[in-house]
Each structure stands twice: as C-alpha cells, then as structure tokens.
Amino acid sequence: MNEPPLATLAEPLHYAGLLVRYGIMHDRGGNGDTVITVPLSFWRQLVGTLIFAKSLGGLQPGFKAAGSHTAATCAATYKRLGRPMVFRLTPSALRVENVQEGGEIIDRVFARSAVYDIKYVSHSNYVVIRARGHEMLEVRPVGDRRVLRWLADTLRAAMWPDQPPKERT
C-alpha cells in the first residue's frame, strides 16, 4: 500500500537517463583505462558546418557558381565536426580527442603525472583540466550542467581513485 513512487526508486541512477539522452558512452577497462565518448548534437554539427561554409563564401549569392568544391569541403567539414569528443584515460596519459580550439579540431594529450586538477566550474559551465606544463583546457561537449558535473566527477574519480570526492564548485 505505501510503496514509494517509481521516481523515488530510480533516484540512485538519475544520471543514467542523462547519459542515454545525450548518447554518452562510458567504458572502464581492466587495467585502469577509462573512455568516455560524448557525441556532438546534430544542431552543433549543422551550425558548425554552416559557419564554415559562410567563411568560404559558400552561402553568398554566388553559391551555385562555387560549384562542387564548396559542397565537398562542407561535407568533409560536417563529417569532421561530427566526431565525438573522447576522454581517454590510460595508465600513462589523459587524452582529450576532437577538441575545438581556435577554429581547429585537435587532440590534447596530458601526461597523467602532470594532471593536477579536473573539475566542473559552475559559473562558466565548463569542465576544466589543469596540468603542469600545459595551458588550462576548458571544454563543454554538452550544455547540460548535470552531465558536465558527472563528466568531471567521473574523470576525477578515475584519475585519483584513492582520493575522496572533491567539494563541488
């Protein structure tokens, strides 16, 4: 008679629904490897491709005259922008793949021993990675604060499994 509602029963796994909604995959290997894959949304891919096409002059009145070269370039850019952001933690390194920096999409690699901080910063809505000898990396693969907090907490727990959870900022 006095059973709790289904929402109450599902509370311990509240993050799981978010991960499924955004298509995020989390894989923990046996030797300390952790891989988190965050696909970009269709709208981000589309907007990125349109911005790139406009920068080429492809959306100007002479678009038809630009020919198949512009269309092929836009298609290649769309495909590149469609690659998911991947956080790959191995026993020796933290690799963040497909990061957009300065109009370029690159991979950032940090020696695991150099990384000293991973956190979610609520006022800027970014996951921040700090490592000695590198510039700070700020990433926002999705706009949902709950997912970004989960991402930072999960990376931090995988990076330093013996440390207690850090206070949230």
Protein backbone atom coordinates (compact mmCIF):
# COMPACT_ATOMS: atom_id res chain seq x y z
CA MET A 1 0.00 0.00 0.00
CA ASN A 2 2.67 2.51 1.00
CA GLU A 3 5.11 1.82 -1.82
CA PRO A 4 7.36 4.70 -2.94
CA PRO A 5 6.68 6.15 -6.39
CA LEU A 6 8.81 4.82 -9.26
CA ALA A 7 10.72 8.11 -9.50
CA THR A 8 12.00 7.57 -5.95
CA LEU A 9 13.19 4.07 -6.78
CA ALA A 10 15.16 5.37 -9.76
CA GLU A 11 16.89 8.24 -7.95
CA PRO A 12 20.24 6.47 -7.34
CA LEU A 13 20.63 6.19 -11.12
CA HIS A 14 19.35 9.65 -12.06
CA TYR A 15 22.48 10.30 -14.16
CA ALA A 16 21.91 7.22 -16.33
CA GLY A 17 18.91 8.80 -18.07
CA LEU A 18 21.01 11.83 -18.94
CA LEU A 19 23.81 9.73 -20.38
CA VAL A 20 21.38 7.83 -22.58
CA ARG A 21 19.66 11.05 -23.68
CA TYR A 22 22.96 12.51 -24.89
CA GLY A 23 24.33 9.22 -26.28
CA ILE A 24 27.30 9.24 -23.91
CA MET A 25 29.25 6.01 -23.56
CA HIS A 26 31.40 5.23 -20.51
CA ASP A 27 33.78 2.27 -20.63
CA ARG A 28 36.12 1.21 -17.84
CA GLY A 29 38.88 -1.18 -18.80
CA GLY A 30 40.56 -3.67 -16.50
CA ASN A 31 43.98 -2.03 -16.48
CA GLY A 32 42.88 1.42 -15.31
CA ASP A 33 41.69 2.65 -18.71
CA THR A 34 38.59 4.82 -18.80
CA VAL A 35 36.98 6.03 -22.03
CA ILE A 36 34.09 8.50 -22.11
CA THR A 37 32.65 9.31 -25.54
CA VAL A 38 30.40 12.36 -25.91
CA PRO A 39 28.80 12.70 -29.36
CA LEU A 40 28.06 16.22 -30.58
CA SER A 41 24.44 17.04 -31.22
CA PHE A 42 23.13 17.29 -34.77
CA TRP A 43 22.47 21.01 -34.29
CA ARG A 44 26.06 21.73 -33.22
CA GLN A 45 27.33 19.88 -36.27
CA LEU A 46 24.96 21.73 -38.58
CA VAL A 47 25.75 25.18 -37.15
CA GLY A 48 29.49 24.48 -37.33
CA THR A 49 29.20 23.41 -40.96
CA LEU A 50 27.13 26.49 -41.89
CA ILE A 51 29.63 28.80 -40.21
CA PHE A 52 32.46 27.11 -42.09
CA ALA A 53 30.56 27.33 -45.39
CA LYS A 54 29.91 31.03 -44.82
CA SER A 55 33.60 31.62 -44.10
CA LEU A 56 34.38 30.09 -47.51
CA GLY A 57 31.87 32.39 -49.16
CA GLY A 58 29.67 29.39 -49.93
CA LEU A 59 26.48 30.99 -48.70
CA GLN A 60 26.88 34.15 -50.74
CA PRO A 61 24.67 34.81 -53.80
CA GLY A 62 27.22 33.03 -55.99
CA PHE A 63 26.83 29.75 -54.11
CA LYS A 64 25.77 27.84 -57.21
CA ALA A 65 28.76 29.20 -59.08
CA ALA A 66 31.11 27.99 -56.32
CA GLY A 67 30.48 24.50 -57.60
CA SER A 68 31.07 21.12 -56.11
CA HIS A 69 34.34 22.16 -54.43
CA THR A 70 32.48 24.15 -51.76
CA ALA A 71 29.89 21.38 -51.34
CA ALA A 72 32.63 18.75 -50.94
CA THR A 73 34.50 20.93 -48.44
CA CYS A 74 31.31 21.49 -46.45
CA ALA A 75 30.58 17.75 -46.43
CA ALA A 76 34.10 16.97 -45.19
CA THR A 77 33.82 19.64 -42.50
CA TYR A 78 30.43 18.31 -41.40
CA LYS A 79 31.95 14.83 -41.09
CA ARG A 80 34.90 16.15 -39.06
CA LEU A 81 32.61 18.22 -36.82
CA GLY A 82 30.51 15.12 -36.30
CA ARG A 83 33.29 13.28 -34.49
CA PRO A 84 32.55 12.80 -30.81
CA MET A 85 34.67 14.31 -28.07
CA VAL A 86 36.53 11.44 -26.42
CA PHE A 87 38.15 11.47 -22.99
CA ARG A 88 40.65 8.59 -22.86
CA LEU A 89 42.45 7.96 -19.57
CA THR A 90 45.23 5.36 -19.68
CA PRO A 91 47.80 4.45 -17.02
CA SER A 92 50.20 6.97 -18.60
CA ALA A 93 48.09 9.78 -20.13
CA LEU A 94 44.83 11.67 -20.34
CA ARG A 95 43.91 12.25 -23.96
CA VAL A 96 41.04 14.56 -24.96
CA GLU A 97 40.21 13.98 -28.63
CA ASN A 98 38.37 16.26 -31.06
CA VAL A 99 38.60 19.47 -29.05
CA GLN A 100 37.68 22.63 -30.94
CA GLU A 101 40.37 25.24 -30.33
CA GLY A 102 40.78 28.41 -32.36
CA GLY A 103 38.70 27.18 -35.29
CA GLU A 104 40.67 23.92 -35.43
CA ILE A 105 39.75 20.49 -34.14
CA ILE A 106 42.69 18.93 -32.32
CA ASP A 107 43.61 16.29 -29.77
CA ARG A 108 45.12 17.34 -26.44
CA VAL A 109 47.36 14.90 -24.57
CA PHE A 110 48.46 15.31 -20.96
CA ALA A 111 50.86 13.02 -19.11
CA ARG A 112 48.87 11.52 -16.26
CA SER A 113 51.53 12.61 -13.76
CA ALA A 114 51.20 16.23 -14.96
CA VAL A 115 47.42 16.50 -14.41
CA TYR A 116 46.67 18.03 -11.03
CA ASP A 117 43.05 19.20 -11.30
CA ILE A 118 39.85 18.20 -13.08
CA LYS A 119 36.67 19.98 -12.09
CA TYR A 120 33.37 21.37 -13.21
CA VAL A 121 33.15 25.16 -12.87
CA SER A 122 29.51 26.10 -12.44
CA HIS A 123 29.78 29.84 -13.12
CA SER A 124 31.32 29.27 -16.57
CA ASN A 125 29.64 25.90 -17.26
CA TYR A 126 32.92 24.26 -18.35
CA VAL A 127 34.86 21.17 -17.38
CA VAL A 128 38.39 22.39 -16.63
CA ILE A 129 41.54 20.27 -16.85
CA ARG A 130 44.78 21.65 -15.43
CA ALA A 131 48.18 20.06 -15.98
CA ARG A 132 51.72 21.21 -15.31
CA GLY A 133 53.41 22.45 -18.49
CA HIS A 134 50.13 22.90 -20.38
CA GLU A 135 47.58 25.63 -20.79
CA MET A 136 44.32 25.04 -18.96
CA LEU A 137 41.77 23.19 -21.10
CA GLU A 138 38.12 24.23 -20.86
CA VAL A 139 35.59 22.01 -22.62
CA ARG A 140 31.82 21.97 -22.87
CA PRO A 141 30.83 18.99 -25.04
CA VAL A 142 27.16 19.35 -23.99
CA GLY A 143 25.21 22.23 -22.50
CA ASP A 144 23.64 20.30 -19.61
CA ARG A 145 25.25 21.22 -16.28
CA ARG A 146 24.38 17.85 -14.74
CA VAL A 147 26.22 15.96 -17.48
CA LEU A 148 29.25 18.26 -17.23
CA ARG A 149 29.37 17.76 -13.45
CA TRP A 150 29.11 13.98 -13.93
CA LEU A 151 31.89 14.10 -16.54
CA ALA A 152 34.28 15.99 -14.23
CA ASP A 153 33.43 13.81 -11.22
CA THR A 154 33.89 10.59 -13.23
CA LEU A 155 37.21 11.69 -14.73
CA ARG A 156 38.47 12.80 -11.32
CA ALA A 157 37.42 9.51 -9.67
CA ALA A 158 39.16 7.52 -12.42
CA MET A 159 42.27 9.69 -12.23
CA TRP A 160 42.62 9.56 -8.44
CA PRO A 161 40.60 6.56 -7.20
CA ASP A 162 42.05 6.69 -3.67
CA GLN A 163 41.03 10.30 -3.00
CA PRO A 164 37.68 11.29 -1.54
CA PRO A 165 35.27 13.20 -3.81
CA LYS A 166 36.18 16.86 -4.17
CA GLU A 167 33.85 19.59 -2.96
CA ARG A 168 31.69 20.94 -5.77
CA THR A 169 32.38 24.44 -7.07
